[in-house]
Amino acid sequence: MIKGDTPFLYTQKAKDAEQKLKEKVHLMKRKIKKSAYDIKEKLRRKSKISRTGNYVSIIMGVLLLIMSWSSQIEWLIWLSSISIFSNVFLLTIQKNNLFS
């Protein structure tokens, strides 16, 4: 090997390493974007499913309110009314998408 060829060899190795690094960075960016998209999609699907839970909680809260009203249990009346109002509030947030 000639002494003059060694800088060329090192620059070529550096260019190859830089190209490999760029490829790896590009692949990692694609993986991160794909995983972020997958997480957003899961959260979007989950928010659509969870609306039924709010409806069921409202119905159960109304039934609990009626039963506690008839038996005159004051703390249960307050608990069921707070449950109803919180579920209605969560439903309106999900329908209007205020936080997204």
N, C-alpha and C. Protein backbone atom coordinates (compact mmCIF):
# COMPACT_ATOMS: atom_id res chain seq x y z
N MET A 1 0.83 -1.17 0.00
CA MET A 1 0.00 0.00 0.00
C MET A 1 0.89 1.25 0.00
N ILE A 2 0.50 2.23 -0.74
CA ILE A 2 1.27 3.46 -0.83
C ILE A 2 0.80 4.41 0.27
N LYS A 3 1.75 5.19 0.80
CA LYS A 3 1.40 6.10 1.88
C LYS A 3 0.37 7.14 1.44
N GLY A 4 0.35 7.52 0.22
CA GLY A 4 -0.60 8.53 -0.28
C GLY A 4 -2.02 8.00 -0.38
N ASP A 5 -2.20 6.68 -0.44
CA ASP A 5 -3.54 6.10 -0.58
C ASP A 5 -4.29 6.00 0.75
N THR A 6 -3.62 6.06 1.86
CA THR A 6 -4.30 5.88 3.15
C THR A 6 -5.33 6.96 3.46
N PRO A 7 -5.09 8.25 3.16
CA PRO A 7 -6.17 9.22 3.42
C PRO A 7 -7.41 8.94 2.58
N PHE A 8 -7.21 8.51 1.33
CA PHE A 8 -8.35 8.17 0.49
C PHE A 8 -9.14 7.00 1.08
N LEU A 9 -8.41 6.01 1.59
CA LEU A 9 -9.04 4.85 2.19
C LEU A 9 -9.87 5.24 3.41
N TYR A 10 -9.29 6.12 4.23
CA TYR A 10 -10.03 6.56 5.42
C TYR A 10 -11.25 7.41 5.06
N THR A 11 -11.11 8.25 4.06
CA THR A 11 -12.27 9.05 3.66
C THR A 11 -13.36 8.17 3.06
N GLN A 12 -12.97 7.15 2.32
CA GLN A 12 -13.97 6.24 1.76
C GLN A 12 -14.68 5.47 2.87
N LYS A 13 -13.93 5.01 3.88
CA LYS A 13 -14.54 4.31 5.01
C LYS A 13 -15.47 5.25 5.77
N ALA A 14 -15.05 6.49 5.91
CA ALA A 14 -15.88 7.47 6.62
C ALA A 14 -17.17 7.73 5.84
N LYS A 15 -17.07 7.82 4.52
CA LYS A 15 -18.27 8.03 3.70
C LYS A 15 -19.21 6.83 3.78
N ASP A 16 -18.63 5.63 3.76
CA ASP A 16 -19.45 4.42 3.88
C ASP A 16 -20.15 4.36 5.24
N ALA A 17 -19.40 4.69 6.29
CA ALA A 17 -19.99 4.68 7.63
C ALA A 17 -21.09 5.74 7.74
N GLU A 18 -20.86 6.90 7.13
CA GLU A 18 -21.87 7.96 7.15
C GLU A 18 -23.14 7.52 6.41
N GLN A 19 -22.97 6.86 5.28
CA GLN A 19 -24.12 6.38 4.51
C GLN A 19 -24.90 5.33 5.29
N LYS A 20 -24.19 4.41 5.94
CA LYS A 20 -24.87 3.39 6.75
C LYS A 20 -25.61 4.03 7.91
N LEU A 21 -24.99 5.03 8.51
CA LEU A 21 -25.63 5.73 9.63
C LEU A 21 -26.89 6.46 9.16
N LYS A 22 -26.82 7.09 7.98
CA LYS A 22 -28.00 7.77 7.44
C LYS A 22 -29.13 6.78 7.18
N GLU A 23 -28.79 5.60 6.65
CA GLU A 23 -29.80 4.58 6.40
C GLU A 23 -30.45 4.12 7.70
N LYS A 24 -29.63 3.91 8.73
CA LYS A 24 -30.17 3.47 10.02
C LYS A 24 -31.05 4.54 10.64
N VAL A 25 -30.64 5.80 10.53
CA VAL A 25 -31.46 6.90 11.06
C VAL A 25 -32.79 6.97 10.32
N HIS A 26 -32.74 6.80 9.00
CA HIS A 26 -33.96 6.82 8.21
C HIS A 26 -34.91 5.68 8.62
N LEU A 27 -34.35 4.50 8.81
CA LEU A 27 -35.17 3.36 9.24
C LEU A 27 -35.77 3.59 10.62
N MET A 28 -34.99 4.16 11.53
CA MET A 28 -35.50 4.43 12.88
C MET A 28 -36.61 5.47 12.84
N LYS A 29 -36.46 6.50 11.99
CA LYS A 29 -37.51 7.51 11.87
C LYS A 29 -38.80 6.88 11.36
N ARG A 30 -38.68 5.98 10.39
CA ARG A 30 -39.87 5.31 9.87
C ARG A 30 -40.53 4.45 10.94
N LYS A 31 -39.71 3.74 11.73
CA LYS A 31 -40.27 2.89 12.80
C LYS A 31 -40.97 3.74 13.85
N ILE A 32 -40.37 4.87 14.22
CA ILE A 32 -40.98 5.75 15.22
C ILE A 32 -42.29 6.32 14.71
N LYS A 33 -42.30 6.76 13.45
CA LYS A 33 -43.54 7.29 12.88
C LYS A 33 -44.63 6.22 12.82
N LYS A 34 -44.24 5.00 12.47
CA LYS A 34 -45.22 3.92 12.38
C LYS A 34 -45.77 3.58 13.76
N SER A 35 -44.90 3.51 14.77
CA SER A 35 -45.39 3.18 16.11
C SER A 35 -46.25 4.31 16.67
N ALA A 36 -45.91 5.56 16.38
CA ALA A 36 -46.74 6.68 16.83
C ALA A 36 -48.11 6.62 16.15
N TYR A 37 -48.13 6.29 14.87
CA TYR A 37 -49.40 6.15 14.17
C TYR A 37 -50.22 5.01 14.75
N ASP A 38 -49.57 3.89 15.06
CA ASP A 38 -50.29 2.75 15.64
C ASP A 38 -50.88 3.11 17.00
N ILE A 39 -50.13 3.85 17.81
CA ILE A 39 -50.65 4.24 19.13
C ILE A 39 -51.83 5.18 18.97
N LYS A 40 -51.73 6.15 18.06
CA LYS A 40 -52.84 7.08 17.83
C LYS A 40 -54.08 6.32 17.35
N GLU A 41 -53.87 5.35 16.49
CA GLU A 41 -55.00 4.57 15.97
C GLU A 41 -55.66 3.75 17.07
N LYS A 42 -54.85 3.15 17.96
CA LYS A 42 -55.42 2.39 19.07
C LYS A 42 -56.21 3.28 20.00
N LEU A 43 -55.67 4.46 20.31
CA LEU A 43 -56.38 5.39 21.18
C LEU A 43 -57.67 5.87 20.54
N ARG A 44 -57.64 6.11 19.23
CA ARG A 44 -58.84 6.57 18.53
C ARG A 44 -59.92 5.48 18.56
N ARG A 45 -59.53 4.25 18.32
CA ARG A 45 -60.50 3.15 18.36
C ARG A 45 -61.03 2.94 19.76
N LYS A 46 -60.18 3.06 20.76
CA LYS A 46 -60.61 2.85 22.13
C LYS A 46 -61.58 3.93 22.57
N SER A 47 -61.39 5.17 22.14
CA SER A 47 -62.29 6.24 22.55
C SER A 47 -63.69 6.04 21.96
N LYS A 48 -63.76 5.47 20.76
CA LYS A 48 -65.08 5.21 20.19
C LYS A 48 -65.80 4.10 20.95
N ILE A 49 -65.09 3.10 21.40
CA ILE A 49 -65.70 1.99 22.12
C ILE A 49 -66.15 2.41 23.51
N SER A 50 -65.40 3.30 24.15
CA SER A 50 -65.66 3.62 25.55
C SER A 50 -66.93 4.44 25.75
N ARG A 51 -67.55 4.94 24.69
CA ARG A 51 -68.80 5.70 24.86
C ARG A 51 -69.91 4.83 25.42
N THR A 52 -69.94 3.58 25.05
CA THR A 52 -71.00 2.71 25.57
C THR A 52 -70.88 2.56 27.08
N GLY A 53 -69.67 2.55 27.59
CA GLY A 53 -69.47 2.46 29.03
C GLY A 53 -70.06 3.65 29.76
N ASN A 54 -69.96 4.83 29.15
CA ASN A 54 -70.55 6.02 29.78
C ASN A 54 -72.07 5.92 29.79
N TYR A 55 -72.66 5.43 28.71
CA TYR A 55 -74.12 5.27 28.68
C TYR A 55 -74.58 4.28 29.75
N VAL A 56 -73.86 3.18 29.87
CA VAL A 56 -74.22 2.18 30.87
C VAL A 56 -74.08 2.76 32.27
N SER A 57 -73.02 3.53 32.51
CA SER A 57 -72.83 4.14 33.83
C SER A 57 -73.92 5.15 34.14
N ILE A 58 -74.37 5.88 33.14
CA ILE A 58 -75.46 6.84 33.36
C ILE A 58 -76.74 6.10 33.73
N ILE A 59 -77.04 5.02 33.01
CA ILE A 59 -78.26 4.25 33.30
C ILE A 59 -78.18 3.65 34.70
N MET A 60 -77.02 3.10 35.06
CA MET A 60 -76.88 2.53 36.40
C MET A 60 -76.97 3.62 37.47
N GLY A 61 -76.43 4.80 37.17
CA GLY A 61 -76.53 5.92 38.11
C GLY A 61 -77.96 6.36 38.32
N VAL A 62 -78.75 6.37 37.25
CA VAL A 62 -80.17 6.74 37.37
C VAL A 62 -80.91 5.70 38.20
N LEU A 63 -80.64 4.41 37.94
CA LEU A 63 -81.29 3.37 38.74
C LEU A 63 -80.88 3.46 40.21
N LEU A 64 -79.63 3.72 40.47
CA LEU A 64 -79.15 3.89 41.84
C LEU A 64 -79.76 5.12 42.49
N LEU A 65 -79.94 6.18 41.72
CA LEU A 65 -80.57 7.39 42.23
C LEU A 65 -82.02 7.13 42.62
N ILE A 66 -82.73 6.39 41.79
CA ILE A 66 -84.14 6.07 42.09
C ILE A 66 -84.22 5.20 43.34
N MET A 67 -83.36 4.20 43.43
CA MET A 67 -83.41 3.31 44.60
C MET A 67 -83.01 4.05 45.88
N SER A 68 -82.00 4.91 45.80
CA SER A 68 -81.58 5.63 47.01
C SER A 68 -82.60 6.70 47.38
N TRP A 69 -83.29 7.25 46.39
CA TRP A 69 -84.33 8.25 46.68
C TRP A 69 -85.49 7.59 47.42
N SER A 70 -85.83 6.37 46.99
CA SER A 70 -86.96 5.69 47.63
C SER A 70 -86.60 5.22 49.04
N SER A 71 -85.34 4.91 49.29
CA SER A 71 -84.95 4.45 50.63
C SER A 71 -84.40 5.57 51.50
N GLN A 72 -84.37 6.80 50.98
CA GLN A 72 -83.95 7.99 51.73
C GLN A 72 -82.52 7.89 52.26
N ILE A 73 -81.60 7.42 51.43
CA ILE A 73 -80.19 7.39 51.79
C ILE A 73 -79.52 8.58 51.10
N GLU A 74 -79.23 9.61 51.90
CA GLU A 74 -78.80 10.88 51.32
C GLU A 74 -77.43 10.80 50.65
N TRP A 75 -76.47 10.13 51.27
CA TRP A 75 -75.13 10.09 50.69
C TRP A 75 -75.11 9.32 49.37
N LEU A 76 -76.01 8.32 49.24
CA LEU A 76 -76.09 7.56 48.00
C LEU A 76 -76.74 8.39 46.89
N ILE A 77 -77.66 9.27 47.28
CA ILE A 77 -78.27 10.17 46.30
C ILE A 77 -77.19 11.08 45.71
N TRP A 78 -76.38 11.67 46.59
CA TRP A 78 -75.31 12.55 46.12
C TRP A 78 -74.29 11.79 45.27
N LEU A 79 -73.95 10.61 45.68
CA LEU A 79 -72.97 9.81 44.95
C LEU A 79 -73.47 9.47 43.55
N SER A 80 -74.72 9.05 43.45
CA SER A 80 -75.26 8.68 42.14
C SER A 80 -75.44 9.91 41.25
N SER A 81 -75.82 11.05 41.83
CA SER A 81 -75.97 12.25 41.00
C SER A 81 -74.62 12.74 40.49
N ILE A 82 -73.59 12.66 41.32
CA ILE A 82 -72.24 13.04 40.87
C ILE A 82 -71.76 12.09 39.78
N SER A 83 -72.07 10.82 39.93
CA SER A 83 -71.69 9.84 38.91
C SER A 83 -72.37 10.14 37.58
N ILE A 84 -73.64 10.48 37.64
CA ILE A 84 -74.39 10.79 36.41
C ILE A 84 -73.80 12.03 35.74
N PHE A 85 -73.57 13.08 36.51
CA PHE A 85 -73.05 14.32 35.93
C PHE A 85 -71.64 14.13 35.35
N SER A 86 -70.82 13.37 36.03
CA SER A 86 -69.46 13.17 35.51
C SER A 86 -69.48 12.37 34.21
N ASN A 87 -70.35 11.37 34.12
CA ASN A 87 -70.42 10.58 32.89
C ASN A 87 -71.02 11.39 31.74
N VAL A 88 -71.98 12.26 32.05
CA VAL A 88 -72.53 13.13 31.00
C VAL A 88 -71.45 14.08 30.51
N PHE A 89 -70.66 14.61 31.45
CA PHE A 89 -69.56 15.51 31.07
C PHE A 89 -68.54 14.79 30.20
N LEU A 90 -68.18 13.56 30.57
CA LEU A 90 -67.22 12.80 29.76
C LEU A 90 -67.78 12.49 28.37
N LEU A 91 -69.08 12.22 28.31
CA LEU A 91 -69.70 11.96 27.01
C LEU A 91 -69.64 13.20 26.12
N THR A 92 -69.93 14.37 26.68
CA THR A 92 -69.90 15.58 25.86
C THR A 92 -68.48 15.90 25.41
N ILE A 93 -67.49 15.62 26.24
CA ILE A 93 -66.10 15.85 25.83
C ILE A 93 -65.75 14.92 24.68
N GLN A 94 -66.15 13.66 24.77
CA GLN A 94 -65.80 12.71 23.72
C GLN A 94 -66.53 13.02 22.42
N LYS A 95 -67.77 13.47 22.51
CA LYS A 95 -68.52 13.77 21.28
C LYS A 95 -67.98 15.00 20.58
N ASN A 96 -67.61 16.02 21.36
CA ASN A 96 -67.14 17.27 20.77
C ASN A 96 -65.65 17.28 20.50
N ASN A 97 -64.94 16.29 21.01
CA ASN A 97 -63.48 16.20 20.85
C ASN A 97 -62.80 17.50 21.24
N LEU A 98 -63.08 17.97 22.44
CA LEU A 98 -62.53 19.24 22.90
C LEU A 98 -61.04 19.16 23.16
N PHE A 99 -60.53 18.01 23.55
CA PHE A 99 -59.13 17.90 23.91
C PHE A 99 -58.28 17.25 22.84
N SER A 100 -58.79 17.10 21.64
CA SER A 100 -57.95 16.50 20.60
C SER A 100 -57.86 17.37 19.38
